[in-house]
C-alpha atoms as a PDB file:
ATOM      1  CA  MET A   1      49.773  99.885  49.670  1.00  0.00           C
ATOM      2  CA  ALA A   2      53.069 100.358  47.899  1.00  0.00           C
ATOM      3  CA  GLY A   3      53.713  98.747  44.527  1.00  0.00           C
ATOM      4  CA  HIS A   4      57.077  97.623  43.172  1.00  0.00           C
ATOM      5  CA  MET A   5      58.453  99.519  40.201  1.00  0.00           C
ATOM      6  CA  GLY A   6      60.881  98.051  37.735  1.00  0.00           C
ATOM      7  CA  SER A   7      62.108  99.175  34.349  1.00  0.00           C
ATOM      8  CA  ALA A   8      63.990  97.849  31.391  1.00  0.00           C
ATOM      9  CA  CYS A   9      66.971  99.999  32.400  1.00  0.00           C
ATOM     10  CA  GLY A  10      67.193  98.111  35.672  1.00  0.00           C
ATOM     11  CA  CYS A  11      65.953 100.971  37.866  1.00  0.00           C
ATOM     12  CA  ALA A  12      63.718  99.983  40.762  1.00  0.00           C
ATOM     13  CA  THR A  13      62.309 101.577  43.861  1.00  0.00           C
ATOM     14  CA  ALA A  14      61.776  99.634  47.030  1.00  0.00           C
ATOM     15  CA  GLY A  15      58.266  98.447  47.614  1.00  0.00           C
ATOM     16  CA  ASN A  16      56.173  95.629  48.968  1.00  0.00           C
ATOM     17  CA  ARG A  17      56.054  92.772  46.465  1.00  0.00           C
ATOM     18  CA  ALA A  18      53.699  90.698  48.596  1.00  0.00           C
ATOM     19  CA  ARG A  19      50.015  90.168  48.076  1.00  0.00           C
ATOM     20  CA  PRO A  20      47.598  92.947  49.075  1.00  0.00           C
ATOM     21  CA  ALA A  21      47.178  93.615  52.796  1.00  0.00           C
ATOM     22  CA  PRO A  22      44.576  91.368  54.461  1.00  0.00           C
ATOM     23  CA  SER A  23      41.924  94.072  54.569  1.00  0.00           C
ATOM     24  CA  GLN A  24      42.402  94.879  50.882  1.00  0.00           C
ATOM     25  CA  ARG A  25      42.480  91.195  49.961  1.00  0.00           C
ATOM     26  CA  GLN A  26      39.244  90.584  51.889  1.00  0.00           C
ATOM     27  CA  GLU A  27      37.569  93.456  50.068  1.00  0.00           C
ATOM     28  CA  GLN A  28      38.688  91.997  46.721  1.00  0.00           C
ATOM     29  CA  GLU A  29      37.400  88.543  47.609  1.00  0.00           C
ATOM     30  CA  GLN A  30      34.068  89.907  48.787  1.00  0.00           C
ATOM     31  CA  ALA A  31      33.725  91.868  45.563  1.00  0.00           C
ATOM     32  CA  SER A  32      34.580  88.818  43.451  1.00  0.00           C
ATOM     33  CA  PRO A  33      33.621  85.386  44.839  1.00  0.00           C
ATOM     34  CA  MET A  34      35.526  83.728  41.961  1.00  0.00           C
ATOM     35  CA  GLN A  35      39.273  83.360  42.416  1.00  0.00           C
ATOM     36  CA  ARG A  36      40.194  81.978  39.007  1.00  0.00           C
ATOM     37  CA  PHE A  37      43.694  83.460  39.095  1.00  0.00           C
ATOM     38  CA  GLN A  38      44.697  82.680  42.664  1.00  0.00           C
ATOM     39  CA  ASP A  39      48.475  83.255  42.891  1.00  0.00           C
ATOM     40  CA  LYS A  40      48.905  83.140  39.110  1.00  0.00           C
ATOM     41  CA  VAL A  41      51.470  85.494  37.613  1.00  0.00           C
ATOM     42  CA  ILE A  42      49.917  87.828  35.059  1.00  0.00           C
ATOM     43  CA  VAL A  43      51.512  90.468  32.836  1.00  0.00           C
ATOM     44  CA  VAL A  44      49.413  93.214  31.273  1.00  0.00           C
ATOM     45  CA  THR A  45      51.100  95.572  28.833  1.00  0.00           C
ATOM     46  CA  GLY A  46      49.503  98.974  28.424  1.00  0.00           C
ATOM     47  CA  GLY A  47      48.201  98.488  31.951  1.00  0.00           C
ATOM     48  CA  ALA A  48      48.287 102.094  33.120  1.00  0.00           C
ATOM     49  CA  SER A  49      44.954 103.122  31.589  1.00  0.00           C
ATOM     50  CA  GLY A  50      41.937 102.085  29.574  1.00  0.00           C
ATOM     51  CA  MET A  51      41.326  98.422  28.848  1.00  0.00           C
ATOM     52  CA  GLY A  52      44.664  97.420  30.341  1.00  0.00           C
ATOM     53  CA  ALA A  53      44.023  99.066  33.696  1.00  0.00           C
ATOM     54  CA  ALA A  54      40.520  97.568  33.801  1.00  0.00           C
ATOM     55  CA  ALA A  55      41.982  94.121  33.151  1.00  0.00           C
ATOM     56  CA  CYS A  56      44.625  94.583  35.860  1.00  0.00           C
ATOM     57  CA  ARG A  57      41.913  95.331  38.394  1.00  0.00           C
ATOM     58  CA  LEU A  58      39.859  92.306  37.395  1.00  0.00           C
ATOM     59  CA  PHE A  59      42.837  89.931  37.436  1.00  0.00           C
ATOM     60  CA  ALA A  60      43.891  91.176  40.874  1.00  0.00           C
ATOM     61  CA  ALA A  61      40.343  90.938  42.224  1.00  0.00           C
ATOM     62  CA  GLU A  62      40.454  87.228  41.389  1.00  0.00           C
ATOM     63  CA  GLY A  63      43.728  86.576  43.150  1.00  0.00           C
ATOM     64  CA  GLY A  64      46.247  87.241  40.388  1.00  0.00           C
ATOM     65  CA  ARG A  65      49.775  88.510  40.966  1.00  0.00           C
ATOM     66  CA  VAL A  66      49.700  91.277  38.376  1.00  0.00           C
ATOM     67  CA  VAL A  67      52.599  93.055  36.714  1.00  0.00           C
ATOM     68  CA  VAL A  68      51.373  96.363  35.286  1.00  0.00           C
ATOM     69  CA  ALA A  69      53.615  97.274  32.348  1.00  0.00           C
ATOM     70  CA  ASP A  70      53.400 100.577  30.506  1.00  0.00           C
ATOM     71  CA  LEU A  71      55.474 103.310  28.887  1.00  0.00           C
ATOM     72  CA  ASP A  72      53.810 105.582  31.453  1.00  0.00           C
ATOM     73  CA  GLY A  73      55.765 104.373  34.453  1.00  0.00           C
ATOM     74  CA  ASP A  74      54.000 106.645  36.928  1.00  0.00           C
ATOM     75  CA  GLY A  75      50.615 105.504  35.659  1.00  0.00           C
ATOM     76  CA  ALA A  76      51.670 101.859  35.896  1.00  0.00           C
ATOM     77  CA  LEU A  77      52.844 102.368  39.472  1.00  0.00           C
ATOM     78  CA  LYS A  78      49.569 104.059  40.382  1.00  0.00           C
ATOM     79  CA  VAL A  79      47.544 101.072  39.161  1.00  0.00           C
ATOM     80  CA  ALA A  80      49.970  98.642  40.812  1.00  0.00           C
ATOM     81  CA  ASN A  81      49.626 100.468  44.130  1.00  0.00           C
ATOM     82  CA  GLU A  82      45.856 100.303  43.827  1.00  0.00           C
ATOM     83  CA  ILE A  83      45.716  96.546  43.242  1.00  0.00           C
ATOM     84  CA  GLY A  84      48.737  95.382  45.231  1.00  0.00           C
ATOM     85  CA  GLY A  85      50.731  94.454  42.141  1.00  0.00           C
ATOM     86  CA  ARG A  86      54.079  95.379  40.628  1.00  0.00           C
ATOM     87  CA  ALA A  87      54.845  97.961  37.973  1.00  0.00           C
ATOM     88  CA  PHE A  88      57.296  97.939  35.081  1.00  0.00           C
ATOM     89  CA  ARG A  89      58.085 100.798  32.724  1.00  0.00           C
ATOM     90  CA  ILE A  90      58.487  99.528  29.166  1.00  0.00           C
ATOM     91  CA  ASP A  91      58.672 100.535  25.532  1.00  0.00           C
ATOM     92  CA  VAL A  92      57.149  97.508  23.808  1.00  0.00           C
ATOM     93  CA  ALA A  93      58.738  98.538  20.507  1.00  0.00           C
ATOM     94  CA  LYS A  94      62.037  97.282  21.925  1.00  0.00           C
ATOM     95  CA  GLU A  95      62.514  93.529  22.140  1.00  0.00           C
ATOM     96  CA  ALA A  96      65.129  93.768  24.885  1.00  0.00           C
ATOM     97  CA  GLU A  97      62.634  95.505  27.149  1.00  0.00           C
ATOM     98  CA  LEU A  98      60.040  92.794  26.616  1.00  0.00           C
ATOM     99  CA  ARG A  99      62.667  90.190  27.448  1.00  0.00           C
ATOM    100  CA  ASP A 100      63.437  92.105  30.640  1.00  0.00           C
ATOM    101  CA  LEU A 101      59.731  92.368  31.446  1.00  0.00           C
ATOM    102  CA  VAL A 102      59.341  88.594  31.338  1.00  0.00           C
ATOM    103  CA  ALA A 103      62.428  88.171  33.533  1.00  0.00           C
ATOM    104  CA  PHE A 104      60.991  90.704  36.000  1.00  0.00           C
ATOM    105  CA  ALA A 105      57.594  88.989  36.075  1.00  0.00           C
ATOM    106  CA  THR A 106      59.067  85.566  36.762  1.00  0.00           C
ATOM    107  CA  GLU A 107      61.309  86.677  39.635  1.00  0.00           C
ATOM    108  CA  GLY A 108      60.798  84.483  42.669  1.00  0.00           C
ATOM    109  CA  THR A 109      58.327  82.052  41.099  1.00  0.00           C
ATOM    110  CA  GLY A 110      59.757  81.228  37.678  1.00  0.00           C
ATOM    111  CA  ARG A 111      56.189  81.373  36.367  1.00  0.00           C
ATOM    112  CA  LEU A 112      54.232  83.409  33.865  1.00  0.00           C
ATOM    113  CA  ASP A 113      50.670  82.148  33.647  1.00  0.00           C
ATOM    114  CA  VAL A 114      48.974  84.880  31.608  1.00  0.00           C
ATOM    115  CA  LEU A 115      50.199  87.483  29.129  1.00  0.00           C
ATOM    116  CA  PHE A 116      47.745  90.135  27.976  1.00  0.00           C
ATOM    117  CA  ASN A 117      49.378  91.930  25.040  1.00  0.00           C
ATOM    118  CA  ASN A 118      47.347  95.109  25.247  1.00  0.00           C
ATOM    119  CA  ALA A 119      49.807  97.971  24.671  1.00  0.00           C
ATOM    120  CA  ALA A 120      49.224  99.905  21.459  1.00  0.00           C
ATOM    121  CA  VAL A 121      49.387 103.308  19.868  1.00  0.00           C
ATOM    122  CA  GLY A 122      46.441 104.840  18.027  1.00  0.00           C
ATOM    123  CA  HIS A 123      44.585 108.088  17.476  1.00  0.00           C
ATOM    124  CA  SER A 124      45.764 109.503  20.797  1.00  0.00           C
ATOM    125  CA  ALA A 125      49.283 109.559  19.308  1.00  0.00           C
ATOM    126  CA  THR A 126      48.324 111.517  16.190  1.00  0.00           C
ATOM    127  CA  GLY A 127      50.885 114.159  17.067  1.00  0.00           C
ATOM    128  CA  ARG A 128      53.547 111.446  17.119  1.00  0.00           C
ATOM    129  CA  TYR A 129      52.419 109.189  14.277  1.00  0.00           C
ATOM    130  CA  ARG A 130      50.113 110.239  11.494  1.00  0.00           C
ATOM    131  CA  MET A 131      46.906 108.207  11.227  1.00  0.00           C
ATOM    132  CA  ALA A 132      45.932 108.393   7.569  1.00  0.00           C
ATOM    133  CA  SER A 133      45.328 106.506   4.330  1.00  0.00           C
ATOM    134  CA  ILE A 134      48.145 104.523   2.778  1.00  0.00           C
ATOM    135  CA  VAL A 135      49.044 107.336   0.373  1.00  0.00           C
ATOM    136  CA  ASP A 136      49.257 109.889   3.189  1.00  0.00           C
ATOM    137  CA  THR A 137      51.064 107.833   5.851  1.00  0.00           C
ATOM    138  CA  PRO A 138      54.788 108.653   6.064  1.00  0.00           C
ATOM    139  CA  GLU A 139      57.416 105.959   6.523  1.00  0.00           C
ATOM    140  CA  ASP A 140      58.225 106.918  10.101  1.00  0.00           C
ATOM    141  CA  ALA A 141      54.561 106.430  11.056  1.00  0.00           C
ATOM    142  CA  TRP A 142      54.537 102.977   9.463  1.00  0.00           C
ATOM    143  CA  GLU A 143      57.681 101.994  11.327  1.00  0.00           C
ATOM    144  CA  GLY A 144      56.514 103.330  14.679  1.00  0.00           C
ATOM    145  CA  ILE A 145      52.975 101.971  14.562  1.00  0.00           C
ATOM    146  CA  VAL A 146      54.007  98.515  13.356  1.00  0.00           C
ATOM    147  CA  ALA A 147      56.834  98.352  15.917  1.00  0.00           C
ATOM    148  CA  ILE A 148      54.483  99.045  18.818  1.00  0.00           C
ATOM    149  CA  ASN A 149      51.242  97.414  17.685  1.00  0.00           C
ATOM    150  CA  MET A 150      52.555  94.291  15.959  1.00  0.00           C
ATOM    151  CA  LYS A 151      56.192  93.675  16.855  1.00  0.00           C
ATOM    152  CA  GLY A 152      55.443  94.470  20.487  1.00  0.00           C
ATOM    153  CA  VAL A 153      52.900  91.637  20.540  1.00  0.00           C
ATOM    154  CA  ALA A 154      55.204  89.261  18.661  1.00  0.00           C
ATOM    155  CA  PHE A 155      58.190  89.847  20.936  1.00  0.00           C
ATOM    156  CA  GLY A 156      56.034  89.597  24.037  1.00  0.00           C
ATOM    157  CA  CYS A 157      54.916  86.166  22.865  1.00  0.00           C
ATOM    158  CA  LYS A 158      58.459  85.225  21.862  1.00  0.00           C
ATOM    159  CA  HIS A 159      59.784  85.672  25.386  1.00  0.00           C
ATOM    160  CA  ALA A 160      56.704  84.469  27.289  1.00  0.00           C
ATOM    161  CA  ILE A 161      56.191  81.190  25.421  1.00  0.00           C
ATOM    162  CA  PRO A 162      59.422  79.440  26.553  1.00  0.00           C
ATOM    163  CA  VAL A 163      58.475  80.105  30.190  1.00  0.00           C
ATOM    164  CA  MET A 164      54.991  78.744  29.585  1.00  0.00           C
ATOM    165  CA  VAL A 165      56.343  75.657  27.835  1.00  0.00           C
ATOM    166  CA  ALA A 166      58.675  74.928  30.767  1.00  0.00           C
ATOM    167  CA  GLN A 167      55.862  75.197  33.322  1.00  0.00           C
ATOM    168  CA  GLY A 168      53.395  73.110  31.335  1.00  0.00           C
ATOM    169  CA  GLY A 169      51.141  75.743  29.793  1.00  0.00           C
ATOM    170  CA  GLY A 170      49.735  79.237  29.927  1.00  0.00           C
ATOM    171  CA  ALA A 171      47.365  81.676  28.263  1.00  0.00           C
ATOM    172  CA  ILE A 172      48.050  84.598  25.941  1.00  0.00           C
ATOM    173  CA  VAL A 173      45.435  87.161  24.986  1.00  0.00           C
ATOM    174  CA  ASN A 174      46.294  89.610  22.218  1.00  0.00           C
ATOM    175  CA  ASN A 175      44.410  92.856  21.790  1.00  0.00           C
ATOM    176  CA  ALA A 176      43.824  93.639  18.102  1.00  0.00           C
ATOM    177  CA  SER A 177      40.981  95.828  16.812  1.00  0.00           C
ATOM    178  CA  ILE A 178      37.756  95.749  14.882  1.00  0.00           C
ATOM    179  CA  GLN A 179      39.831  97.399  12.145  1.00  0.00           C
ATOM    180  CA  ALA A 180      41.643  94.097  11.686  1.00  0.00           C
ATOM    181  CA  ILE A 181      38.466  92.365  10.510  1.00  0.00           C
ATOM    182  CA  LYS A 182      36.354  95.168   9.021  1.00  0.00           C
ATOM    183  CA  GLY A 183      37.262  97.743   6.401  1.00  0.00           C
ATOM    184  CA  ILE A 184      37.517 101.107   8.165  1.00  0.00           C
ATOM    185  CA  LEU A 185      39.091 104.153   6.575  1.00  0.00           C
ATOM    186  CA  GLY A 186      41.710 106.532   7.825  1.00  0.00           C
ATOM    187  CA  ALA A 187      44.378 104.631   9.778  1.00  0.00           C
ATOM    188  CA  ASP A 188      45.929 102.162   7.351  1.00  0.00           C
ATOM    189  CA  ALA A 189      49.187 101.497   9.206  1.00  0.00           C
ATOM    190  CA  TYR A 190      47.194 100.836  12.381  1.00  0.00           C
ATOM    191  CA  THR A 191      44.860  98.509  10.480  1.00  0.00           C
ATOM    192  CA  CYS A 192      47.789  96.646   8.956  1.00  0.00           C
ATOM    193  CA  ALA A 193      49.484  96.128  12.304  1.00  0.00           C
ATOM    194  CA  LYS A 194      46.304  94.940  14.007  1.00  0.00           C
ATOM    195  CA  GLY A 195      45.603  92.568  11.116  1.00  0.00           C
ATOM    196  CA  GLY A 196      49.043  91.128  11.738  1.00  0.00           C
ATOM    197  CA  VAL A 197      48.116  90.515  15.369  1.00  0.00           C
ATOM    198  CA  VAL A 198      45.068  88.517  14.269  1.00  0.00           C
ATOM    199  CA  SER A 199      47.125  86.379  11.878  1.00  0.00           C
ATOM    200  CA  LEU A 200      49.883  85.862  14.451  1.00  0.00           C
ATOM    201  CA  THR A 201      47.312  84.745  17.020  1.00  0.00           C
ATOM    202  CA  ARG A 202      46.040  82.018  14.715  1.00  0.00           C
ATOM    203  CA  THR A 203      49.550  80.807  13.901  1.00  0.00           C
ATOM    204  CA  LEU A 204      50.660  80.671  17.525  1.00  0.00           C
ATOM    205  CA  ALA A 205      47.469  78.857  18.545  1.00  0.00           C
ATOM    206  CA  VAL A 206      48.279  76.110  16.055  1.00  0.00           C
ATOM    207  CA  ASP A 207      51.982  76.053  16.832  1.00  0.00           C
ATOM    208  CA  TRP A 208      51.768  75.899  20.626  1.00  0.00           C
ATOM    209  CA  GLY A 209      48.381  74.394  21.412  1.00  0.00           C
ATOM    210  CA  ALA A 210      49.900  70.945  21.952  1.00  0.00           C
ATOM    211  CA  LYS A 211      52.072  72.482  24.669  1.00  0.00           C
ATOM    212  CA  ASN A 212      48.931  73.591  26.534  1.00  0.00           C
ATOM    213  CA  ILE A 213      49.425  77.217  25.574  1.00  0.00           C
ATOM    214  CA  ARG A 214      46.217  78.893  24.433  1.00  0.00           C
ATOM    215  CA  VAL A 215      46.494  82.016  22.292  1.00  0.00           C
ATOM    216  CA  ASN A 216      43.385  84.075  21.618  1.00  0.00           C
ATOM    217  CA  CYS A 217      42.624  87.548  20.351  1.00  0.00           C
ATOM    218  CA  ILE A 218      40.029  90.207  21.032  1.00  0.00           C
ATOM    219  CA  CYS A 219      38.972  92.831  18.505  1.00  0.00           C
ATOM    220  CA  PRO A 220      37.437  95.805  20.303  1.00  0.00           C
ATOM    221  CA  GLY A 221      35.229  98.283  18.538  1.00  0.00           C
ATOM    222  CA  PRO A 222      35.050 101.931  19.659  1.00  0.00           C
ATOM    223  CA  ILE A 223      35.883 101.933  23.362  1.00  0.00           C
ATOM    224  CA  ALA A 224      35.967 104.951  25.668  1.00  0.00           C
ATOM    225  CA  THR A 225      39.709 104.970  26.342  1.00  0.00           C
ATOM    226  CA  PRO A 226      42.389 107.664  26.091  1.00  0.00           C
ATOM    227  CA  MET A 227      43.232 106.340  22.599  1.00  0.00           C
ATOM    228  CA  ILE A 228      40.042 107.796  21.103  1.00  0.00           C
ATOM    229  CA  GLN A 229      38.967 110.218  23.817  1.00  0.00           C
ATOM    230  CA  ALA A 230      39.756 113.289  21.720  1.00  0.00           C
ATOM    231  CA  LEU A 231      37.479 111.969  18.968  1.00  0.00           C
ATOM    232  CA  LEU A 232      34.711 111.305  21.484  1.00  0.00           C
ATOM    233  CA  ASP A 233      35.062 114.797  22.922  1.00  0.00           C
ATOM    234  CA  ASP A 234      34.745 116.456  19.508  1.00  0.00           C
ATOM    235  CA  PRO A 235      31.075 116.999  18.515  1.00  0.00           C
ATOM    236  CA  ALA A 236      32.101 116.749  14.863  1.00  0.00           C
ATOM    237  CA  THR A 237      33.563 113.243  15.193  1.00  0.00           C
ATOM    238  CA  ALA A 238      31.823 111.697  18.211  1.00  0.00           C
ATOM    239  CA  PRO A 239      28.633 110.505  16.440  1.00  0.00           C
ATOM    240  CA  GLY A 240      30.677 108.806  13.738  1.00  0.00           C
ATOM    241  CA  MET A 241      32.524 106.728  16.309  1.00  0.00           C
ATOM    242  CA  TYR A 242      29.469 104.572  16.908  1.00  0.00           C
ATOM    243  CA  ALA A 243      27.286 105.256  13.854  1.00  0.00           C
ATOM    244  CA  ASP A 244      27.841 101.660  12.631  1.00  0.00           C
ATOM    245  CA  VAL A 245      27.382 100.061  16.064  1.00  0.00           C
ATOM    246  CA  PRO A 246      23.967  98.353  16.363  1.00  0.00           C
ATOM    247  CA  MET A 247      24.000  99.020  20.107  1.00  0.00           C
ATOM    248  CA  ALA A 248      24.316 102.743  19.292  1.00  0.00           C
ATOM    249  CA  ARG A 249      27.014 103.543  21.846  1.00  0.00           C
ATOM    250  CA  VAL A 250      30.719 103.181  22.506  1.00  0.00           C
ATOM    251  CA  GLY A 251      31.908 100.428  24.792  1.00  0.00           C
ATOM    252  CA  GLN A 252      33.535 100.788  28.196  1.00  0.00           C
ATOM    253  CA  PRO A 253      37.007  99.471  29.053  1.00  0.00           C
ATOM    254  CA  GLU A 254      35.573  97.020  31.576  1.00  0.00           C
ATOM    255  CA  GLU A 255      33.392  95.439  28.904  1.00  0.00           C
ATOM    256  CA  VAL A 256      36.483  94.504  26.920  1.00  0.00           C
ATOM    257  CA  ALA A 257      38.536  93.575  29.968  1.00  0.00           C
ATOM    258  CA  ARG A 258      35.952  91.035  31.099  1.00  0.00           C
ATOM    259  CA  VAL A 259      36.284  89.199  27.784  1.00  0.00           C
ATOM    260  CA  ALA A 260      40.084  89.224  28.000  1.00  0.00           C
ATOM    261  CA  VAL A 261      39.949  87.887  31.549  1.00  0.00           C
ATOM    262  CA  PHE A 262      37.550  85.117  30.510  1.00  0.00           C
ATOM    263  CA  LEU A 263      39.845  84.043  27.669  1.00  0.00           C
ATOM    264  CA  ALA A 264      42.791  83.962  30.063  1.00  0.00           C
ATOM    265  CA  SER A 265      40.912  81.857  32.613  1.00  0.00           C
ATOM    266  CA  ASP A 266      40.392  78.119  32.890  1.00  0.00           C
ATOM    267  CA  ASP A 267      36.740  78.745  32.029  1.00  0.00           C
ATOM    268  CA  ALA A 268      38.035  79.086  28.455  1.00  0.00           C
ATOM    269  CA  SER A 269      40.202  75.966  28.684  1.00  0.00           C
ATOM    270  CA  TYR A 270      39.126  74.695  25.240  1.00  0.00           C
ATOM    271  CA  VAL A 271      39.169  78.072  23.514  1.00  0.00           C
ATOM    272  CA  ASN A 272      42.262  78.466  21.347  1.00  0.00           C
ATOM    273  CA  GLY A 273      42.890  80.574  18.246  1.00  0.00           C
ATOM    274  CA  ALA A 274      39.627  82.489  18.674  1.00  0.00           C
ATOM    275  CA  ILE A 275      39.250  85.981  17.222  1.00  0.00           C
ATOM    276  CA  VAL A 276      36.560  87.579  19.371  1.00  0.00           C
ATOM    277  CA  PRO A 277      34.934  90.895  18.386  1.00  0.00           C
ATOM    278  CA  VAL A 278      33.914  93.049  21.361  1.00  0.00           C
ATOM    279  CA  ASP A 279      32.224  95.727  19.335  1.00  0.00           C
ATOM    280  CA  GLY A 280      28.518  96.032  20.064  1.00  0.00           C
ATOM    281  CA  GLY A 281      27.785  94.189  16.815  1.00  0.00           C
ATOM    282  CA  MET A 282      29.749  96.539  14.579  1.00  0.00           C
ATOM    283  CA  SER A 283      31.520  93.716  12.736  1.00  0.00           C
ATOM    284  CA  VAL A 284      28.255  92.134  11.546  1.00  0.00           C
ATOM    285  CA  ARG A 285      26.826  95.289  10.003  1.00  0.00           C
END
């Protein structure tokens, strides 16, 4: 099943933008009797891997028309092909590309029902941005991490909200981190940016709730994704990744994705401005 690939530069390859083929659709429906997102338009940033890819699969399994957005265009297209969605290559640090993403998502329907702001940079980008204490973090790391992890969320919301207002409502789920609500050493720029996501979520929930736009936030603990895989693979650092987790293990991407999907669904119709830890109890220790 071919996906449809777009990009902020306007490049696109031909593909089938329709729903999954009948056989694939039947398999999805049999696997998930709930169809909470039937024909709803859903954008997931950072959708090529980890929690984002898991969320894309769950949204599609419940009938959603999913746009998989990621800096890894090939990875986004692979997930889109798998679920019968569309792919979009994006650098979320650039507002113009987020504006173009929203325009791409709304083609043909004029709708954007769900935005999952999931894209982020973390320990997997240590070679690109230094993850360190405030005294050891260089200015370029601050600028890059904040641009991706905080401004990327803000600009995604900026361009999605007018569409949601015009259609009578929508749902936004922002992916922050346990580091936004618990003091954890060693990645201060990351912590700062994720704390900003939490604060922004609360403000937007108050500002736009009367327009039937719900804005919620999840704060994952240590999750087995590419972002921390190198730490999990290192015997010297792996035990420390979950030493403070009462459940004594790292989480799986699907465990976070299920919470994001719930918050985006009508089952959470009266949930707005919530900051939800998905951390195996780490935040209460």
